[in-house]
Amino acid sequence: MFSAVFWVLAFWFIVNLVWTIAHLNNRMMSRTFAWINVVAVVIGF
């Protein structure tokens, strides 16, 4: 269970990293993704 959640979060983090680098000019989208990442980290721990 834990390992599955960990891998999903790890994959999601990589996707976010690529997305952030590709779309640095979009402020609103970056803010939304930042909040989603915070929630994902909280769920992860």
PDB file of N, CA and C in Angstrom:
ATOM      1  N   MET A   1       0.836  -1.203   0.000  1.00  0.00           N
ATOM      2  CA  MET A   1       0.000   0.000   0.000  1.00  0.00           C
ATOM      3  C   MET A   1       0.871   1.253   0.000  1.00  0.00           C
ATOM      4  N   PHE A   2       1.773   1.309   0.982  1.00  0.00           N
ATOM      5  CA  PHE A   2       2.626   2.497   1.092  1.00  0.00           C
ATOM      6  C   PHE A   2       3.483   2.692  -0.151  1.00  0.00           C
ATOM      7  N   SER A   3       4.067   1.602  -0.653  1.00  0.00           N
ATOM      8  CA  SER A   3       4.948   1.720  -1.808  1.00  0.00           C
ATOM      9  C   SER A   3       4.186   2.199  -3.045  1.00  0.00           C
ATOM     10  N   ALA A   4       2.936   1.750  -3.201  1.00  0.00           N
ATOM     11  CA  ALA A   4       2.136   2.183  -4.349  1.00  0.00           C
ATOM     12  C   ALA A   4       1.872   3.682  -4.275  1.00  0.00           C
ATOM     13  N   VAL A   5       1.487   4.162  -3.099  1.00  0.00           N
ATOM     14  CA  VAL A   5       1.246   5.598  -2.920  1.00  0.00           C
ATOM     15  C   VAL A   5       2.530   6.374  -3.147  1.00  0.00           C
ATOM     16  N   PHE A   6       3.633   5.844  -2.635  1.00  0.00           N
ATOM     17  CA  PHE A   6       4.931   6.510  -2.804  1.00  0.00           C
ATOM     18  C   PHE A   6       5.289   6.666  -4.275  1.00  0.00           C
ATOM     19  N   TRP A   7       5.107   5.604  -5.058  1.00  0.00           N
ATOM     20  CA  TRP A   7       5.459   5.669  -6.478  1.00  0.00           C
ATOM     21  C   TRP A   7       4.548   6.616  -7.252  1.00  0.00           C
ATOM     22  N   VAL A   8       3.267   6.641  -6.900  1.00  0.00           N
ATOM     23  CA  VAL A   8       2.344   7.578  -7.553  1.00  0.00           C
ATOM     24  C   VAL A   8       2.770   9.008  -7.259  1.00  0.00           C
ATOM     25  N   LEU A   9       3.104   9.291  -6.001  1.00  0.00           N
ATOM     26  CA  LEU A   9       3.533  10.640  -5.630  1.00  0.00           C
ATOM     27  C   LEU A   9       4.863  10.998  -6.281  1.00  0.00           C
ATOM     28  N   ALA A  10       5.776  10.039  -6.371  1.00  0.00           N
ATOM     29  CA  ALA A  10       7.064  10.288  -7.017  1.00  0.00           C
ATOM     30  C   ALA A  10       6.859  10.624  -8.493  1.00  0.00           C
ATOM     31  N   PHE A  11       6.000   9.857  -9.158  1.00  0.00           N
ATOM     32  CA  PHE A  11       5.685  10.114 -10.566  1.00  0.00           C
ATOM     33  C   PHE A  11       5.038  11.485 -10.730  1.00  0.00           C
ATOM     34  N   TRP A  12       4.090  11.804  -9.838  1.00  0.00           N
ATOM     35  CA  TRP A  12       3.400  13.090  -9.883  1.00  0.00           C
ATOM     36  C   TRP A  12       4.378  14.238  -9.703  1.00  0.00           C
ATOM     37  N   PHE A  13       5.356  14.073  -8.794  1.00  0.00           N
ATOM     38  CA  PHE A  13       6.352  15.115  -8.558  1.00  0.00           C
ATOM     39  C   PHE A  13       7.188  15.365  -9.807  1.00  0.00           C
ATOM     40  N   ILE A  14       7.579  14.302 -10.495  1.00  0.00           N
ATOM     41  CA  ILE A  14       8.362  14.434 -11.728  1.00  0.00           C
ATOM     42  C   ILE A  14       7.545  15.149 -12.798  1.00  0.00           C
ATOM     43  N   VAL A  15       6.266  14.769 -12.935  1.00  0.00           N
ATOM     44  CA  VAL A  15       5.388  15.426 -13.911  1.00  0.00           C
ATOM     45  C   VAL A  15       5.276  16.915 -13.604  1.00  0.00           C
ATOM     46  N   ASN A  16       5.106  17.246 -12.325  1.00  0.00           N
ATOM     47  CA  ASN A  16       5.009  18.646 -11.926  1.00  0.00           C
ATOM     48  C   ASN A  16       6.286  19.413 -12.217  1.00  0.00           C
ATOM     49  N   LEU A  17       7.424  18.781 -11.987  1.00  0.00           N
ATOM     50  CA  LEU A  17       8.705  19.432 -12.237  1.00  0.00           C
ATOM     51  C   LEU A  17       8.838  19.787 -13.716  1.00  0.00           C
ATOM     52  N   VAL A  18       8.523  18.824 -14.581  1.00  0.00           N
ATOM     53  CA  VAL A  18       8.592  19.060 -16.026  1.00  0.00           C
ATOM     54  C   VAL A  18       7.590  20.137 -16.432  1.00  0.00           C
ATOM     55  N   TRP A  19       6.357  20.055 -15.905  1.00  0.00           N
ATOM     56  CA  TRP A  19       5.318  21.020 -16.236  1.00  0.00           C
ATOM     57  C   TRP A  19       5.720  22.426 -15.816  1.00  0.00           C
ATOM     58  N   THR A  20       6.294  22.559 -14.609  1.00  0.00           N
ATOM     59  CA  THR A  20       6.701  23.866 -14.093  1.00  0.00           C
ATOM     60  C   THR A  20       7.784  24.471 -14.967  1.00  0.00           C
ATOM     61  N   ILE A  21       8.756  23.663 -15.377  1.00  0.00           N
ATOM     62  CA  ILE A  21       9.828  24.158 -16.241  1.00  0.00           C
ATOM     63  C   ILE A  21       9.262  24.579 -17.597  1.00  0.00           C
ATOM     64  N   ALA A  22       8.301  23.823 -18.105  1.00  0.00           N
ATOM     65  CA  ALA A  22       7.739  24.101 -19.426  1.00  0.00           C
ATOM     66  C   ALA A  22       6.807  25.306 -19.416  1.00  0.00           C
ATOM     67  N   HIS A  23       6.151  25.584 -18.274  1.00  0.00           N
ATOM     68  CA  HIS A  23       5.135  26.636 -18.221  1.00  0.00           C
ATOM     69  C   HIS A  23       5.419  27.646 -17.119  1.00  0.00           C
ATOM     70  N   LEU A  24       6.652  28.151 -17.085  1.00  0.00           N
ATOM     71  CA  LEU A  24       7.015  29.097 -16.029  1.00  0.00           C
ATOM     72  C   LEU A  24       6.240  30.407 -16.134  1.00  0.00           C
ATOM     73  N   ASN A  25       5.789  30.757 -17.354  1.00  0.00           N
ATOM     74  CA  ASN A  25       5.128  32.048 -17.545  1.00  0.00           C
ATOM     75  C   ASN A  25       3.679  32.062 -17.062  1.00  0.00           C
ATOM     76  N   ASN A  26       3.103  30.896 -16.773  1.00  0.00           N
ATOM     77  CA  ASN A  26       1.698  30.823 -16.368  1.00  0.00           C
ATOM     78  C   ASN A  26       1.602  30.828 -14.847  1.00  0.00           C
ATOM     79  N   ARG A  27       1.358  32.021 -14.263  1.00  0.00           N
ATOM     80  CA  ARG A  27       1.372  32.173 -12.810  1.00  0.00           C
ATOM     81  C   ARG A  27       0.242  31.416 -12.124  1.00  0.00           C
ATOM     82  N   MET A  28      -0.982  31.548 -12.647  1.00  0.00           N
ATOM     83  CA  MET A  28      -2.134  30.937 -11.996  1.00  0.00           C
ATOM     84  C   MET A  28      -2.002  29.415 -11.976  1.00  0.00           C
ATOM     85  N   MET A  29      -1.557  28.840 -13.081  1.00  0.00           N
ATOM     86  CA  MET A  29      -1.387  27.395 -13.148  1.00  0.00           C
ATOM     87  C   MET A  29      -0.310  26.936 -12.178  1.00  0.00           C
ATOM     88  N   SER A  30       0.777  27.711 -12.065  1.00  0.00           N
ATOM     89  CA  SER A  30       1.849  27.358 -11.139  1.00  0.00           C
ATOM     90  C   SER A  30       1.350  27.367  -9.705  1.00  0.00           C
ATOM     91  N   ARG A  31       0.530  28.356  -9.361  1.00  0.00           N
ATOM     92  CA  ARG A  31      -0.014  28.444  -8.003  1.00  0.00           C
ATOM     93  C   ARG A  31      -0.920  27.246  -7.711  1.00  0.00           C
ATOM     94  N   THR A  32      -1.759  26.878  -8.683  1.00  0.00           N
ATOM     95  CA  THR A  32      -2.651  25.730  -8.509  1.00  0.00           C
ATOM     96  C   THR A  32      -1.845  24.455  -8.307  1.00  0.00           C
ATOM     97  N   PHE A  33      -0.819  24.266  -9.132  1.00  0.00           N
ATOM     98  CA  PHE A  33       0.009  23.076  -9.003  1.00  0.00           C
ATOM     99  C   PHE A  33       0.747  23.054  -7.675  1.00  0.00           C
ATOM    100  N   ALA A  34       1.163  24.221  -7.182  1.00  0.00           N
ATOM    101  CA  ALA A  34       1.850  24.286  -5.888  1.00  0.00           C
ATOM    102  C   ALA A  34       0.940  23.786  -4.773  1.00  0.00           C
ATOM    103  N   TRP A  35      -0.319  24.199  -4.781  1.00  0.00           N
ATOM    104  CA  TRP A  35      -1.264  23.746  -3.751  1.00  0.00           C
ATOM    105  C   TRP A  35      -1.535  22.259  -3.865  1.00  0.00           C
ATOM    106  N   ILE A  36      -1.663  21.757  -5.108  1.00  0.00           N
ATOM    107  CA  ILE A  36      -1.872  20.320  -5.304  1.00  0.00           C
ATOM    108  C   ILE A  36      -0.677  19.542  -4.753  1.00  0.00           C
ATOM    109  N   ASN A  37       0.530  20.078  -4.962  1.00  0.00           N
ATOM    110  CA  ASN A  37       1.728  19.415  -4.446  1.00  0.00           C
ATOM    111  C   ASN A  37       1.744  19.394  -2.932  1.00  0.00           C
ATOM    112  N   VAL A  38       1.317  20.485  -2.298  1.00  0.00           N
ATOM    113  CA  VAL A  38       1.261  20.530  -0.835  1.00  0.00           C
ATOM    114  C   VAL A  38       0.319  19.445  -0.320  1.00  0.00           C
ATOM    115  N   VAL A  39      -0.857  19.341  -0.935  1.00  0.00           N
ATOM    116  CA  VAL A  39      -1.826  18.316  -0.535  1.00  0.00           C
ATOM    117  C   VAL A  39      -1.246  16.916  -0.755  1.00  0.00           C
ATOM    118  N   ALA A  40      -0.557  16.718  -1.883  1.00  0.00           N
ATOM    119  CA  ALA A  40       0.029  15.410  -2.186  1.00  0.00           C
ATOM    120  C   ALA A  40       1.092  15.032  -1.156  1.00  0.00           C
ATOM    121  N   VAL A  41       1.915  15.997  -0.755  1.00  0.00           N
ATOM    122  CA  VAL A  41       2.947  15.725   0.251  1.00  0.00           C
ATOM    123  C   VAL A  41       2.313  15.370   1.588  1.00  0.00           C
ATOM    124  N   VAL A  42       1.252  16.102   1.975  1.00  0.00           N
ATOM    125  CA  VAL A  42       0.558  15.814   3.235  1.00  0.00           C
ATOM    126  C   VAL A  42      -0.030  14.404   3.204  1.00  0.00           C
ATOM    127  N   ILE A  43      -0.644  14.028   2.074  1.00  0.00           N
ATOM    128  CA  ILE A  43      -1.198  12.674   1.939  1.00  0.00           C
ATOM    129  C   ILE A  43      -0.074  11.640   1.995  1.00  0.00           C
ATOM    130  N   GLY A  44       1.061  11.977   1.387  1.00  0.00           N
ATOM    131  CA  GLY A  44       2.200  11.056   1.361  1.00  0.00           C
ATOM    132  C   GLY A  44       2.737  10.750   2.747  1.00  0.00           C
ATOM    133  N   PHE A  45       2.685  11.733   3.632  1.00  0.00           N
ATOM    134  CA  PHE A  45       3.185  11.514   4.989  1.00  0.00           C
ATOM    135  C   PHE A  45       2.044  11.217   5.936  1.00  0.00           C
TER     136      PHE A  45
END
